[in-house]
N, C-alpha and C. Protein backbone atom coordinates (compact mmCIF):
# COMPACT_ATOMS: atom_id res chain seq x y z
N UNK A 1 -63.86 -55.63 -9.21
CA UNK A 1 -63.73 -56.78 -9.08
C UNK A 1 -64.68 -57.54 -8.22
N UNK A 2 -64.83 -57.11 -7.01
CA UNK A 2 -65.61 -57.69 -6.25
C UNK A 2 -67.19 -57.62 -6.80
N UNK A 3 -67.72 -56.56 -7.32
CA UNK A 3 -68.92 -56.57 -7.51
C UNK A 3 -69.34 -57.55 -8.79
N UNK A 4 -68.35 -57.86 -9.64
CA UNK A 4 -68.64 -58.72 -10.87
C UNK A 4 -68.62 -60.07 -10.27
N UNK A 5 -67.71 -60.33 -9.30
CA UNK A 5 -67.57 -61.87 -8.47
C UNK A 5 -68.96 -62.05 -7.93
N UNK A 6 -69.52 -61.11 -7.05
CA UNK A 6 -70.66 -61.31 -6.45
C UNK A 6 -71.94 -61.52 -7.33
N UNK A 7 -71.87 -60.85 -8.57
CA UNK A 7 -72.87 -60.98 -9.65
C UNK A 7 -72.85 -62.40 -10.09
N UNK A 8 -71.81 -62.70 -10.34
CA UNK A 8 -71.54 -64.19 -11.04
C UNK A 8 -72.08 -65.25 -10.06
N UNK A 9 -71.59 -65.00 -8.60
CA UNK A 9 -71.80 -65.94 -7.67
C UNK A 9 -73.27 -66.10 -7.54
N UNK A 10 -74.05 -65.04 -7.44
CA UNK A 10 -75.61 -65.14 -7.57
C UNK A 10 -76.01 -65.73 -8.46
N UNK A 11 -75.51 -65.45 -9.82
CA UNK A 11 -75.95 -66.03 -10.92
C UNK A 11 -75.88 -67.62 -10.91
N UNK A 12 -74.59 -68.27 -10.24
CA UNK A 12 -74.44 -69.57 -10.36
C UNK A 12 -75.38 -69.96 -9.31
N UNK A 13 -75.45 -69.40 -7.99
CA UNK A 13 -76.26 -70.04 -7.07
C UNK A 13 -77.94 -70.13 -7.42
N UNK A 14 -78.37 -69.11 -8.09
CA UNK A 14 -79.75 -69.10 -8.71
C UNK A 14 -79.98 -69.95 -9.76
N UNK A 15 -78.80 -70.34 -10.55
CA UNK A 15 -79.25 -70.99 -11.80
C UNK A 15 -78.34 -72.21 -12.14
N UNK A 16 -77.58 -72.83 -11.17
CA UNK A 16 -76.83 -73.98 -11.43
C UNK A 16 -77.38 -75.06 -11.99
N UNK A 17 -78.64 -75.21 -11.68
CA UNK A 17 -79.14 -76.41 -12.34
C UNK A 17 -79.44 -76.26 -13.78
N UNK A 18 -79.24 -74.98 -14.27
CA UNK A 18 -79.54 -75.00 -15.77
C UNK A 18 -78.01 -74.42 -16.48
N UNK A 19 -77.18 -74.19 -15.70
CA UNK A 19 -75.82 -73.75 -16.20
C UNK A 19 -74.99 -75.13 -16.51
N UNK A 20 -75.00 -75.27 -17.80
CA UNK A 20 -74.20 -76.73 -18.00
C UNK A 20 -72.55 -76.14 -18.22
N UNK A 21 -71.89 -77.01 -17.76
CA UNK A 21 -70.16 -76.71 -17.87
C UNK A 21 -69.90 -76.92 -19.17
N UNK A 22 -69.81 -75.82 -19.88
CA UNK A 22 -69.74 -75.53 -21.34
C UNK A 22 -68.55 -74.54 -21.72
N UNK A 23 -68.04 -74.65 -22.84
CA UNK A 23 -67.11 -73.59 -22.95
C UNK A 23 -67.89 -72.01 -23.22
N UNK A 24 -69.06 -72.20 -23.75
CA UNK A 24 -69.94 -70.83 -23.96
C UNK A 24 -70.25 -70.33 -22.71
N UNK A 25 -70.81 -71.16 -21.56
CA UNK A 25 -70.97 -70.78 -20.21
C UNK A 25 -69.66 -70.44 -19.45
N UNK A 26 -68.63 -71.07 -19.62
CA UNK A 26 -67.52 -70.66 -19.05
C UNK A 26 -67.11 -68.93 -19.41
N UNK A 27 -67.21 -68.94 -20.79
CA UNK A 27 -66.82 -67.80 -21.56
C UNK A 27 -67.92 -66.47 -21.07
N UNK A 28 -69.15 -67.02 -20.80
CA UNK A 28 -70.25 -65.78 -20.34
C UNK A 28 -69.79 -65.69 -18.96
N UNK A 29 -69.60 -66.62 -18.04
CA UNK A 29 -69.22 -66.46 -16.75
C UNK A 29 -68.10 -65.23 -16.63
N UNK A 30 -66.83 -65.82 -17.33
CA UNK A 30 -65.80 -64.87 -17.32
C UNK A 30 -66.22 -63.58 -17.75
N UNK A 31 -66.99 -63.22 -18.79
CA UNK A 31 -67.59 -61.81 -19.44
C UNK A 31 -68.19 -61.21 -18.04
N UNK A 32 -69.13 -61.76 -17.54
CA UNK A 32 -69.90 -61.34 -16.30
C UNK A 32 -68.83 -60.91 -15.21
N UNK A 33 -67.71 -61.62 -14.86
CA UNK A 33 -67.03 -61.59 -13.88
C UNK A 33 -66.07 -60.31 -13.90
N UNK A 34 -65.93 -59.97 -15.22
CA UNK A 34 -65.01 -58.85 -15.61
C UNK A 34 -65.78 -57.57 -16.07
N UNK A 35 -66.99 -57.61 -15.92
CA UNK A 35 -68.04 -56.61 -16.39
C UNK A 35 -67.47 -55.26 -16.05
N UNK A 36 -67.16 -55.00 -14.72
CA UNK A 36 -67.08 -53.81 -14.33
C UNK A 36 -65.49 -53.23 -14.30
N UNK A 37 -64.54 -53.95 -15.02
CA UNK A 37 -63.42 -53.88 -15.05
C UNK A 37 -63.04 -53.43 -16.52
N UNK A 38 -62.95 -51.94 -16.60
CA UNK A 38 -62.40 -51.30 -18.07
C UNK A 38 -61.47 -51.86 -18.63
N UNK A 39 -60.18 -52.09 -17.70
CA UNK A 39 -59.19 -52.57 -18.24
C UNK A 39 -59.03 -53.92 -18.77
N UNK A 40 -60.14 -54.65 -18.36
CA UNK A 40 -60.14 -56.08 -19.02
C UNK A 40 -61.16 -56.15 -20.12
N UNK A 41 -61.70 -54.96 -20.45
CA UNK A 41 -62.46 -54.92 -21.66
C UNK A 41 -62.18 -55.64 -22.76
N UNK A 42 -60.95 -55.62 -23.46
CA UNK A 42 -60.46 -55.88 -24.52
C UNK A 42 -60.25 -57.48 -24.81
N UNK A 43 -60.17 -58.17 -23.68
CA UNK A 43 -59.97 -59.62 -23.49
C UNK A 43 -61.13 -60.14 -22.76
N UNK A 44 -62.37 -59.77 -22.32
CA UNK A 44 -63.63 -60.29 -21.56
C UNK A 44 -63.94 -61.27 -22.35
N UNK A 45 -64.08 -62.55 -21.69
CA UNK A 45 -64.68 -63.80 -22.48
C UNK A 45 -64.12 -64.27 -23.44
N UNK A 46 -62.96 -63.90 -23.91
CA UNK A 46 -61.98 -64.32 -24.95
C UNK A 46 -60.94 -65.22 -24.47
N UNK A 47 -60.44 -66.41 -24.97
CA UNK A 47 -59.40 -67.03 -24.43
C UNK A 47 -58.18 -66.09 -24.65
N UNK A 48 -57.15 -66.33 -24.04
CA UNK A 48 -55.73 -65.79 -24.23
C UNK A 48 -55.23 -65.32 -25.50
N UNK A 49 -54.55 -64.30 -25.82
CA UNK A 49 -53.84 -64.43 -27.19
C UNK A 49 -52.29 -64.14 -26.84
N UNK A 50 -51.97 -64.21 -25.45
CA UNK A 50 -50.55 -63.90 -25.16
C UNK A 50 -50.23 -64.85 -24.11
N UNK A 51 -49.25 -65.38 -23.76
CA UNK A 51 -48.80 -66.08 -22.71
C UNK A 51 -48.96 -65.45 -21.48
N UNK A 52 -49.46 -66.16 -20.31
CA UNK A 52 -49.78 -65.73 -19.05
C UNK A 52 -49.25 -66.54 -18.06
N UNK A 53 -48.11 -67.09 -18.00
CA UNK A 53 -47.34 -67.94 -17.08
C UNK A 53 -47.38 -67.09 -15.60
N UNK A 54 -47.71 -68.01 -14.67
CA UNK A 54 -47.90 -67.48 -13.26
C UNK A 54 -46.43 -67.19 -12.88
N UNK A 55 -46.15 -65.99 -12.32
CA UNK A 55 -45.02 -65.31 -11.98
C UNK A 55 -45.05 -65.02 -10.51
N UNK A 56 -43.89 -64.84 -9.88
CA UNK A 56 -43.72 -64.53 -8.67
C UNK A 56 -43.19 -63.05 -8.81
N UNK A 57 -43.38 -62.09 -7.79
CA UNK A 57 -42.93 -60.82 -7.75
C UNK A 57 -42.44 -60.35 -6.41
N UNK A 58 -41.58 -59.39 -6.51
CA UNK A 58 -40.88 -59.00 -5.30
C UNK A 58 -41.69 -57.58 -4.81
N UNK A 59 -41.27 -57.18 -3.63
CA UNK A 59 -42.19 -56.16 -2.90
C UNK A 59 -42.20 -54.87 -3.87
N UNK A 60 -41.35 -54.69 -4.56
CA UNK A 60 -41.20 -53.54 -5.54
C UNK A 60 -42.09 -53.87 -6.86
N UNK A 61 -42.51 -55.02 -6.98
CA UNK A 61 -43.62 -55.42 -8.23
C UNK A 61 -42.55 -55.95 -9.46
N UNK A 62 -41.38 -56.23 -9.09
CA UNK A 62 -40.55 -56.66 -10.12
C UNK A 62 -40.77 -58.41 -10.36
N UNK A 63 -40.68 -58.86 -11.47
CA UNK A 63 -40.85 -60.16 -11.61
C UNK A 63 -39.69 -60.64 -11.24
N UNK A 64 -39.74 -61.82 -10.34
CA UNK A 64 -38.69 -62.53 -9.82
C UNK A 64 -38.39 -64.06 -10.24
N UNK A 65 -39.65 -64.36 -11.22
CA UNK A 65 -39.37 -65.63 -11.70
C UNK A 65 -40.75 -66.41 -12.11
N UNK A 66 -40.77 -67.44 -12.91
CA UNK A 66 -42.00 -68.05 -13.30
C UNK A 66 -42.59 -69.07 -12.25
N UNK A 67 -43.49 -69.00 -11.72
CA UNK A 67 -44.00 -70.00 -10.68
C UNK A 67 -44.27 -71.30 -11.49
N UNK A 68 -45.26 -71.21 -12.55
CA UNK A 68 -45.48 -72.30 -13.42
C UNK A 68 -45.91 -71.73 -14.69
N UNK A 69 -45.50 -72.45 -15.77
CA UNK A 69 -45.95 -72.21 -17.17
C UNK A 69 -47.23 -72.73 -17.56
N UNK A 70 -48.16 -71.99 -18.08
CA UNK A 70 -49.35 -72.31 -18.30
C UNK A 70 -49.26 -72.75 -19.78
N UNK A 71 -50.58 -73.14 -20.47
CA UNK A 71 -50.66 -73.70 -21.98
C UNK A 71 -50.48 -72.34 -22.84
N UNK A 72 -49.98 -72.64 -24.10
CA UNK A 72 -49.85 -71.61 -24.97
C UNK A 72 -51.21 -71.02 -25.25
N UNK A 73 -51.19 -70.00 -25.98
CA UNK A 73 -52.58 -69.37 -26.52
C UNK A 73 -52.95 -70.69 -27.62
N UNK A 74 -51.99 -71.06 -28.26
CA UNK A 74 -52.25 -71.76 -29.31
C UNK A 74 -53.07 -73.02 -29.17
N UNK A 75 -52.62 -73.68 -28.03
CA UNK A 75 -53.19 -74.95 -27.43
C UNK A 75 -54.50 -74.79 -26.49
N UNK A 76 -54.55 -73.71 -26.16
CA UNK A 76 -55.85 -73.40 -25.10
C UNK A 76 -57.08 -73.79 -25.59
N UNK A 77 -57.61 -73.35 -26.78
CA UNK A 77 -58.98 -74.03 -27.14
C UNK A 77 -58.98 -75.53 -27.02
N UNK A 78 -58.03 -76.26 -27.77
CA UNK A 78 -58.20 -77.75 -27.58
C UNK A 78 -57.76 -78.22 -26.28
N UNK A 79 -57.22 -77.70 -25.65
CA UNK A 79 -57.14 -78.41 -24.08
C UNK A 79 -58.27 -78.05 -23.30
N UNK A 80 -59.07 -76.64 -23.23
CA UNK A 80 -60.16 -76.64 -23.00
C UNK A 80 -61.18 -77.61 -23.24
N UNK A 81 -61.51 -77.93 -24.72
CA UNK A 81 -62.45 -78.79 -25.15
C UNK A 81 -62.11 -80.14 -24.56
N UNK A 82 -60.70 -80.64 -24.49
CA UNK A 82 -60.44 -81.91 -23.87
C UNK A 82 -60.75 -81.92 -22.47
N UNK A 83 -60.45 -80.88 -21.75
CA UNK A 83 -60.75 -80.89 -20.21
C UNK A 83 -62.44 -81.22 -19.91
N UNK A 84 -63.26 -80.27 -20.80
CA UNK A 84 -64.52 -80.27 -20.71
C UNK A 84 -65.14 -81.82 -21.01
N UNK A 85 -64.63 -82.49 -22.05
CA UNK A 85 -65.05 -83.54 -22.25
C UNK A 85 -64.67 -84.43 -21.27
N UNK A 86 -63.59 -84.49 -20.74
CA UNK A 86 -63.14 -85.44 -19.60
C UNK A 86 -64.15 -85.31 -18.40
N UNK A 87 -64.37 -84.06 -18.21
CA UNK A 87 -65.27 -83.63 -16.92
C UNK A 87 -66.56 -84.34 -17.24
N UNK A 88 -66.98 -84.12 -18.27
CA UNK A 88 -68.47 -84.70 -18.36
C UNK A 88 -68.53 -86.09 -18.55
N UNK A 89 -67.48 -86.78 -19.09
CA UNK A 89 -67.47 -88.17 -19.07
C UNK A 89 -67.15 -88.74 -17.53
N UNK A 90 -66.16 -88.14 -16.98
CA UNK A 90 -66.02 -88.66 -15.76
C UNK A 90 -67.13 -88.53 -14.56
N UNK A 91 -67.95 -87.38 -14.63
CA UNK A 91 -69.10 -87.24 -13.82
C UNK A 91 -70.23 -88.18 -14.21
N UNK A 92 -70.17 -88.54 -15.53
CA UNK A 92 -71.45 -89.29 -15.90
C UNK A 92 -71.13 -90.77 -15.54
N UNK A 93 -69.81 -91.47 -15.77
CA UNK A 93 -69.47 -92.66 -15.57
C UNK A 93 -69.31 -92.93 -13.98
N UNK A 94 -69.27 -91.76 -13.17
CA UNK A 94 -69.29 -91.90 -11.84
C UNK A 94 -68.02 -93.17 -11.27
N UNK A 95 -67.21 -93.15 -11.91
CA UNK A 95 -66.04 -93.98 -11.59
C UNK A 95 -65.15 -93.23 -10.45
N UNK A 96 -64.87 -92.02 -10.50
CA UNK A 96 -64.57 -90.90 -9.76
C UNK A 96 -65.69 -90.34 -8.75
N UNK A 97 -65.20 -90.08 -7.37
CA UNK A 97 -66.28 -89.28 -6.81
C UNK A 97 -66.31 -87.94 -7.34
N UNK A 98 -67.25 -87.09 -7.21
CA UNK A 98 -67.45 -85.70 -7.77
C UNK A 98 -66.66 -84.82 -7.27
N UNK A 99 -65.98 -84.86 -5.99
CA UNK A 99 -65.09 -84.01 -5.32
C UNK A 99 -63.84 -84.25 -6.19
N UNK A 100 -63.53 -85.52 -6.35
CA UNK A 100 -62.02 -85.57 -6.89
C UNK A 100 -62.25 -85.01 -8.64
N UNK A 101 -63.38 -85.37 -9.23
CA UNK A 101 -63.46 -84.72 -10.49
C UNK A 101 -63.63 -83.05 -10.59
N UNK A 102 -64.17 -82.75 -9.75
CA UNK A 102 -64.09 -81.15 -9.27
C UNK A 102 -62.83 -80.64 -9.14
N UNK A 103 -61.92 -81.33 -8.11
CA UNK A 103 -60.77 -80.97 -7.88
C UNK A 103 -59.69 -81.21 -8.98
N UNK A 104 -59.79 -82.31 -9.88
CA UNK A 104 -58.86 -82.40 -10.84
C UNK A 104 -59.43 -81.35 -12.14
N UNK A 105 -60.56 -81.08 -12.17
CA UNK A 105 -61.14 -80.07 -13.32
C UNK A 105 -60.51 -78.69 -12.91
N UNK A 106 -60.50 -78.30 -11.72
CA UNK A 106 -60.09 -76.92 -11.40
C UNK A 106 -58.54 -76.97 -11.40
N UNK A 107 -57.79 -78.06 -11.26
CA UNK A 107 -56.32 -78.17 -11.31
C UNK A 107 -55.77 -77.65 -12.76
N UNK A 108 -56.66 -78.57 -13.49
CA UNK A 108 -56.29 -78.59 -14.94
C UNK A 108 -56.52 -77.09 -15.76
N UNK A 109 -57.72 -76.70 -15.30
CA UNK A 109 -58.15 -75.41 -15.69
C UNK A 109 -57.12 -74.13 -15.48
N UNK A 110 -56.52 -74.48 -14.00
CA UNK A 110 -55.49 -73.21 -13.58
C UNK A 110 -54.28 -73.69 -14.40
N UNK A 111 -54.17 -74.83 -14.71
CA UNK A 111 -52.70 -75.38 -15.55
C UNK A 111 -52.86 -74.81 -16.92
N UNK A 112 -54.12 -74.89 -17.50
CA UNK A 112 -54.23 -74.11 -18.90
C UNK A 112 -54.17 -72.50 -18.82
N UNK A 113 -55.01 -72.05 -17.71
CA UNK A 113 -55.17 -70.55 -17.58
C UNK A 113 -55.66 -69.81 -19.05
N UNK A 114 -56.87 -70.29 -19.24
CA UNK A 114 -57.45 -70.16 -20.50
C UNK A 114 -57.55 -68.59 -20.66
N UNK A 115 -57.63 -67.72 -19.76
CA UNK A 115 -57.95 -66.36 -20.06
C UNK A 115 -56.73 -65.49 -19.68
N UNK A 116 -56.79 -64.02 -20.12
CA UNK A 116 -55.63 -63.23 -19.76
C UNK A 116 -55.66 -63.08 -18.41
N UNK A 117 -56.90 -63.02 -17.77
CA UNK A 117 -56.95 -62.45 -16.39
C UNK A 117 -58.21 -63.01 -15.66
N UNK A 118 -58.44 -63.20 -14.64
CA UNK A 118 -59.65 -63.68 -14.02
C UNK A 118 -59.62 -65.28 -13.76
N UNK A 119 -58.46 -66.00 -14.07
CA UNK A 119 -58.73 -67.31 -13.79
C UNK A 119 -58.53 -67.84 -12.48
N UNK A 120 -58.04 -67.20 -11.59
CA UNK A 120 -58.25 -67.79 -10.22
C UNK A 120 -59.81 -67.65 -9.62
N UNK A 121 -60.27 -66.15 -9.81
CA UNK A 121 -61.61 -65.87 -9.46
C UNK A 121 -62.69 -66.68 -10.25
N UNK A 122 -62.53 -66.98 -11.50
CA UNK A 122 -63.29 -68.05 -12.20
C UNK A 122 -63.09 -69.30 -11.83
N UNK A 123 -61.98 -69.81 -11.23
CA UNK A 123 -61.99 -71.27 -10.70
C UNK A 123 -62.63 -71.39 -9.68
N UNK A 124 -62.79 -70.34 -8.66
CA UNK A 124 -63.78 -70.62 -7.41
C UNK A 124 -65.12 -70.59 -7.96
N UNK A 125 -65.63 -69.52 -8.89
CA UNK A 125 -66.73 -69.87 -9.50
C UNK A 125 -67.04 -71.25 -9.91
N UNK A 126 -66.38 -71.62 -10.83
CA UNK A 126 -66.55 -72.89 -11.21
C UNK A 126 -66.61 -74.13 -10.31
N UNK A 127 -65.74 -73.88 -9.09
CA UNK A 127 -65.82 -74.96 -8.15
C UNK A 127 -67.16 -74.88 -7.56
N UNK A 128 -67.71 -73.66 -7.47
CA UNK A 128 -68.86 -73.62 -6.73
C UNK A 128 -70.18 -74.42 -7.66
N UNK A 129 -69.91 -73.97 -8.97
CA UNK A 129 -70.95 -74.45 -10.01
C UNK A 129 -70.83 -76.04 -9.86
N UNK A 130 -69.63 -76.65 -10.09
CA UNK A 130 -69.73 -78.15 -10.12
C UNK A 130 -70.20 -78.69 -8.72
N UNK A 131 -69.76 -78.18 -7.57
CA UNK A 131 -70.37 -78.56 -6.39
C UNK A 131 -71.92 -78.58 -6.41
N UNK A 132 -72.53 -77.38 -6.76
CA UNK A 132 -74.03 -77.47 -6.79
C UNK A 132 -74.62 -78.32 -7.44
N UNK A 133 -73.91 -78.44 -8.86
CA UNK A 133 -74.62 -79.33 -9.87
C UNK A 133 -74.62 -80.92 -9.21
N UNK A 134 -73.51 -81.30 -8.42
CA UNK A 134 -73.31 -82.43 -8.00
C UNK A 134 -73.95 -82.64 -6.57
N UNK A 135 -74.75 -81.71 -6.11
CA UNK A 135 -75.84 -81.82 -4.92
C UNK A 135 -75.22 -81.38 -3.73
N UNK A 136 -73.93 -80.60 -3.76
CA UNK A 136 -73.65 -80.01 -2.60
C UNK A 136 -74.40 -78.58 -2.47
N UNK A 137 -75.01 -78.50 -1.40
CA UNK A 137 -75.84 -77.41 -1.21
C UNK A 137 -75.38 -76.23 -0.76
N UNK A 138 -74.19 -76.47 0.28
CA UNK A 138 -73.75 -75.37 1.04
C UNK A 138 -72.25 -75.05 0.58
N UNK A 139 -72.18 -73.90 0.05
CA UNK A 139 -70.93 -73.52 -0.56
C UNK A 139 -70.85 -72.16 -0.32
N UNK A 140 -70.15 -71.65 0.86
CA UNK A 140 -70.28 -70.18 1.29
C UNK A 140 -69.42 -69.32 0.29
N UNK A 141 -69.73 -67.95 0.31
CA UNK A 141 -68.99 -66.99 -0.59
C UNK A 141 -67.52 -66.78 -0.14
N UNK A 142 -67.13 -67.34 0.94
CA UNK A 142 -65.70 -66.73 1.38
C UNK A 142 -64.86 -67.74 0.41
N UNK A 143 -63.52 -67.12 0.54
CA UNK A 143 -62.38 -67.84 0.21
C UNK A 143 -61.34 -68.07 1.26
N UNK A 144 -60.50 -69.11 1.14
CA UNK A 144 -59.48 -69.44 2.27
C UNK A 144 -58.22 -68.77 1.59
N UNK A 145 -58.27 -68.13 0.46
CA UNK A 145 -57.04 -67.71 -0.27
C UNK A 145 -56.17 -66.66 0.91
N UNK A 146 -56.78 -65.61 1.36
CA UNK A 146 -56.07 -64.76 2.22
C UNK A 146 -55.50 -65.63 3.41
N UNK A 147 -56.12 -66.55 3.81
CA UNK A 147 -55.65 -67.36 5.00
C UNK A 147 -54.41 -68.17 4.61
N UNK A 148 -54.38 -68.87 3.49
CA UNK A 148 -53.65 -69.71 2.88
C UNK A 148 -52.24 -68.68 2.60
C-alpha cells in the first residue's frame, strides 16, 4: 500500500500541471495506487459495484455500526460527473477560494466513496493534486491522520 501511494504521489508532484481533474485521471490514479495489492486487483480503477458504507468496528473486528452511508453504486458515476463539473466550474469562476473548492471537493468525494477501497488514500492524493494545480507548491508527504 505504501509503495503504490508513494509512486502516485511522485507522479502527482512531477506532473500536476498536466494531470487534469477528470474521471479518467482519477481512475488511473486509483489503479496506480492499488497496483501492488493483489486483493484489490478485481476492482482497481473501477467504480464500486457493491455498497461500501463507512462502518465502525470493535477491537475484535466486529462491525458495530455504520458511521455514514455512501452513494449507491448506481448513483456513483452520475455523482462523480456532477462533482467534477462543479469543481471545474467553481475553480474557473473563482467565486470561492481554491482552498474551499478543494475542501468541498474532498468532502463530497468521500461522501460518494466511488471505489470499493482506497478512497481515503486517493482523497489525500487528489487534495495534493488540486493544491499543486492551484499554485500551492509545498505539500508534504505526511498525513495527520494518525495524529487525529
